[in-house]
Amino acid sequence: MRWLVDGMNVIGSRPTGWWRDRPRAQRELIDELEAFAAATGDDVAVVFDGRPFELPGGGRVEVAFAAGGRGAADDAIAESVAADADPGSLTVVTSDSELAGRTRRAGADVAPSGSFRRRLDEG
């Protein structure tokens, strides 16, 4: 299975104060996704809005930053699904209804951020 995660949508699915330290919240999500990928053997990619910052290398999770302002990650995710050779093998994790519609029309499945967040928490 292949997962394509709308990073800020998953982070924002619960009010943890993530907005006070966005890079820390992003690193924590990446760590959780690394554990998920290791446990499941699934391919996982995450896309965040904003500027890239230093991350430790060598992980299983593919991390991308979409420059261009608010909504740039949504566009990058939709474009990635549309360009994928096998979009039916992708599950996009988002609760953004517009992005969900765009990626479904391109052939991907969609999983709501809240249920995926719970799955990560159950670890």
C-alpha atoms as a PDB file:
ATOM      1  CA  MET A   1       0.000   0.000   0.000  1.00  0.00           C
ATOM      2  CA  ARG A   2       1.127   3.549  -0.713  1.00  0.00           C
ATOM      3  CA  TRP A   3       0.143   6.537   1.391  1.00  0.00           C
ATOM      4  CA  LEU A   4       0.374  10.210   0.393  1.00  0.00           C
ATOM      5  CA  VAL A   5      -0.182  12.361   3.480  1.00  0.00           C
ATOM      6  CA  ASP A   6      -1.386  15.964   3.599  1.00  0.00           C
ATOM      7  CA  GLY A   7       0.949  16.764   6.490  1.00  0.00           C
ATOM      8  CA  MET A   8      -0.510  19.968   7.865  1.00  0.00           C
ATOM      9  CA  ASN A   9      -4.030  18.576   7.557  1.00  0.00           C
ATOM     10  CA  VAL A  10      -3.095  15.609   9.769  1.00  0.00           C
ATOM     11  CA  ILE A  11      -1.213  17.839  12.217  1.00  0.00           C
ATOM     12  CA  GLY A  12      -4.164  20.214  12.373  1.00  0.00           C
ATOM     13  CA  SER A  13      -6.656  17.414  13.031  1.00  0.00           C
ATOM     14  CA  ARG A  14      -6.253  17.953  16.761  1.00  0.00           C
ATOM     15  CA  PRO A  15      -5.540  21.090  18.799  1.00  0.00           C
ATOM     16  CA  THR A  16      -2.169  20.289  20.365  1.00  0.00           C
ATOM     17  CA  GLY A  17      -0.721  23.800  20.144  1.00  0.00           C
ATOM     18  CA  TRP A  18       1.214  22.765  17.026  1.00  0.00           C
ATOM     19  CA  TRP A  19       0.952  26.325  15.658  1.00  0.00           C
ATOM     20  CA  ARG A  20       3.396  27.555  18.323  1.00  0.00           C
ATOM     21  CA  ASP A  21       6.206  25.414  16.873  1.00  0.00           C
ATOM     22  CA  ARG A  22       5.313  24.237  13.406  1.00  0.00           C
ATOM     23  CA  PRO A  23       8.717  22.624  12.596  1.00  0.00           C
ATOM     24  CA  ARG A  24       8.556  20.594  15.809  1.00  0.00           C
ATOM     25  CA  ALA A  25       5.040  19.404  14.934  1.00  0.00           C
ATOM     26  CA  GLN A  26       6.237  18.455  11.449  1.00  0.00           C
ATOM     27  CA  ARG A  27       9.216  16.516  12.852  1.00  0.00           C
ATOM     28  CA  GLU A  28       6.940  14.698  15.294  1.00  0.00           C
ATOM     29  CA  LEU A  29       4.577  13.686  12.483  1.00  0.00           C
ATOM     30  CA  ILE A  30       7.508  12.479  10.392  1.00  0.00           C
ATOM     31  CA  ASP A  31       8.701  10.365  13.347  1.00  0.00           C
ATOM     32  CA  GLU A  32       5.227   8.863  13.699  1.00  0.00           C
ATOM     33  CA  LEU A  33       5.059   8.176   9.961  1.00  0.00           C
ATOM     34  CA  GLU A  34       8.493   6.517  10.116  1.00  0.00           C
ATOM     35  CA  ALA A  35       7.234   4.179  12.849  1.00  0.00           C
ATOM     36  CA  PHE A  36       4.066   3.483  10.833  1.00  0.00           C
ATOM     37  CA  ALA A  37       6.057   2.694   7.675  1.00  0.00           C
ATOM     38  CA  ALA A  38       8.409   0.413   9.591  1.00  0.00           C
ATOM     39  CA  ALA A  39       5.517  -1.435  11.250  1.00  0.00           C
ATOM     40  CA  THR A  40       3.419  -1.860   8.114  1.00  0.00           C
ATOM     41  CA  GLY A  41       6.023  -2.058   5.365  1.00  0.00           C
ATOM     42  CA  ASP A  42       3.908   0.463   3.440  1.00  0.00           C
ATOM     43  CA  ASP A  43       5.371   3.254   1.330  1.00  0.00           C
ATOM     44  CA  VAL A  44       4.670   6.635   2.909  1.00  0.00           C
ATOM     45  CA  ALA A  45       5.173  10.153   1.574  1.00  0.00           C
ATOM     46  CA  VAL A  46       4.189  13.398   3.282  1.00  0.00           C
ATOM     47  CA  VAL A  47       3.842  16.882   1.808  1.00  0.00           C
ATOM     48  CA  PHE A  48       3.931  20.074   3.875  1.00  0.00           C
ATOM     49  CA  ASP A  49       3.260  23.678   2.899  1.00  0.00           C
ATOM     50  CA  GLY A  50       6.154  26.032   3.426  1.00  0.00           C
ATOM     51  CA  ARG A  51       9.884  26.262   3.407  1.00  0.00           C
ATOM     52  CA  PRO A  52      11.998  23.175   3.848  1.00  0.00           C
ATOM     53  CA  PHE A  53      14.160  22.875   6.924  1.00  0.00           C
ATOM     54  CA  GLU A  54      16.893  20.528   8.086  1.00  0.00           C
ATOM     55  CA  LEU A  55      15.681  16.986   8.669  1.00  0.00           C
ATOM     56  CA  PRO A  56      17.671  13.900   9.563  1.00  0.00           C
ATOM     57  CA  GLY A  57      18.214  11.793   6.456  1.00  0.00           C
ATOM     58  CA  GLY A  58      17.926   8.119   5.777  1.00  0.00           C
ATOM     59  CA  GLY A  59      14.325   7.575   6.762  1.00  0.00           C
ATOM     60  CA  ARG A  60      11.702   5.433   5.064  1.00  0.00           C
ATOM     61  CA  VAL A  61       9.290   8.337   4.616  1.00  0.00           C
ATOM     62  CA  GLU A  62       9.595  10.611   1.612  1.00  0.00           C
ATOM     63  CA  VAL A  63       9.221  14.216   2.792  1.00  0.00           C
ATOM     64  CA  ALA A  64       8.408  17.111   0.475  1.00  0.00           C
ATOM     65  CA  PHE A  65       7.766  20.801   1.028  1.00  0.00           C
ATOM     66  CA  ALA A  66       5.548  22.701  -1.393  1.00  0.00           C
ATOM     67  CA  ALA A  67       6.573  26.315  -1.802  1.00  0.00           C
ATOM     68  CA  GLY A  68       4.087  28.838  -3.025  1.00  0.00           C
ATOM     69  CA  GLY A  69       1.932  29.740  -0.067  1.00  0.00           C
ATOM     70  CA  ARG A  70      -1.227  28.393   1.413  1.00  0.00           C
ATOM     71  CA  GLY A  71      -2.660  25.432  -0.475  1.00  0.00           C
ATOM     72  CA  ALA A  72       0.577  24.649  -2.282  1.00  0.00           C
ATOM     73  CA  ALA A  73       0.751  21.207  -0.675  1.00  0.00           C
ATOM     74  CA  ASP A  74      -2.771  20.434  -1.907  1.00  0.00           C
ATOM     75  CA  ASP A  75      -1.751  21.307  -5.449  1.00  0.00           C
ATOM     76  CA  ALA A  76       1.449  19.246  -5.163  1.00  0.00           C
ATOM     77  CA  ILE A  77      -0.491  16.235  -3.858  1.00  0.00           C
ATOM     78  CA  ALA A  78      -3.143  16.492  -6.589  1.00  0.00           C
ATOM     79  CA  GLU A  79      -0.464  16.839  -9.272  1.00  0.00           C
ATOM     80  CA  SER A  80       1.446  13.866  -7.873  1.00  0.00           C
ATOM     81  CA  VAL A  81      -1.649  11.668  -7.975  1.00  0.00           C
ATOM     82  CA  ALA A  82      -2.547  12.820 -11.495  1.00  0.00           C
ATOM     83  CA  ALA A  83       0.978  12.025 -12.725  1.00  0.00           C
ATOM     84  CA  ASP A  84       1.245   8.658 -10.937  1.00  0.00           C
ATOM     85  CA  ALA A  85       1.434   5.552 -13.131  1.00  0.00           C
ATOM     86  CA  ASP A  86      -0.815   3.632 -10.691  1.00  0.00           C
ATOM     87  CA  PRO A  87      -2.994   6.108  -8.784  1.00  0.00           C
ATOM     88  CA  GLY A  88      -5.325   3.313  -7.696  1.00  0.00           C
ATOM     89  CA  SER A  89      -2.596   2.040  -5.379  1.00  0.00           C
ATOM     90  CA  LEU A  90      -2.430   5.402  -3.575  1.00  0.00           C
ATOM     91  CA  THR A  91      -4.390   6.449  -0.530  1.00  0.00           C
ATOM     92  CA  VAL A  92      -4.332  10.188   0.090  1.00  0.00           C
ATOM     93  CA  VAL A  93      -4.718  11.168   3.733  1.00  0.00           C
ATOM     94  CA  THR A  94      -6.659  14.423   4.017  1.00  0.00           C
ATOM     95  CA  SER A  95      -9.893  15.836   5.345  1.00  0.00           C
ATOM     96  CA  ASP A  96      -9.811  18.697   2.857  1.00  0.00           C
ATOM     97  CA  SER A  97     -12.920  18.042   0.763  1.00  0.00           C
ATOM     98  CA  GLU A  98     -11.603  19.848  -2.331  1.00  0.00           C
ATOM     99  CA  LEU A  99      -8.317  17.907  -2.288  1.00  0.00           C
ATOM    100  CA  ALA A 100     -10.183  14.660  -1.609  1.00  0.00           C
ATOM    101  CA  GLY A 101     -12.365  15.253  -4.652  1.00  0.00           C
ATOM    102  CA  ARG A 102      -9.425  16.124  -6.890  1.00  0.00           C
ATOM    103  CA  THR A 103      -7.466  13.028  -5.895  1.00  0.00           C
ATOM    104  CA  ARG A 104     -10.483  10.690  -6.115  1.00  0.00           C
ATOM    105  CA  ARG A 105     -11.170  11.928  -9.652  1.00  0.00           C
ATOM    106  CA  ALA A 106      -7.541  11.102 -10.492  1.00  0.00           C
ATOM    107  CA  GLY A 107      -8.039   7.534  -9.230  1.00  0.00           C
ATOM    108  CA  ALA A 108      -6.719   7.515  -5.642  1.00  0.00           C
ATOM    109  CA  ASP A 109      -8.522   6.418  -2.495  1.00  0.00           C
ATOM    110  CA  VAL A 110      -8.887   8.911   0.340  1.00  0.00           C
ATOM    111  CA  ALA A 111      -8.614   8.355   4.087  1.00  0.00           C
ATOM    112  CA  PRO A 112      -9.771  11.044   6.521  1.00  0.00           C
ATOM    113  CA  SER A 113      -7.026  12.687   8.575  1.00  0.00           C
ATOM    114  CA  GLY A 114      -8.756  12.003  11.893  1.00  0.00           C
ATOM    115  CA  SER A 115      -9.006   8.249  11.375  1.00  0.00           C
ATOM    116  CA  PHE A 116      -5.412   8.081  10.122  1.00  0.00           C
ATOM    117  CA  ARG A 117      -4.323  10.154  13.136  1.00  0.00           C
ATOM    118  CA  ARG A 118      -6.013   7.603  15.439  1.00  0.00           C
ATOM    119  CA  ARG A 119      -4.250   4.804  13.598  1.00  0.00           C
ATOM    120  CA  LEU A 120      -0.901   6.509  14.218  1.00  0.00           C
ATOM    121  CA  ASP A 121      -1.784   7.022  17.884  1.00  0.00           C
ATOM    122  CA  GLU A 122      -2.584   3.332  18.296  1.00  0.00           C
ATOM    123  CA  GLY A 123       0.844   2.661  16.820  1.00  0.00           C
END
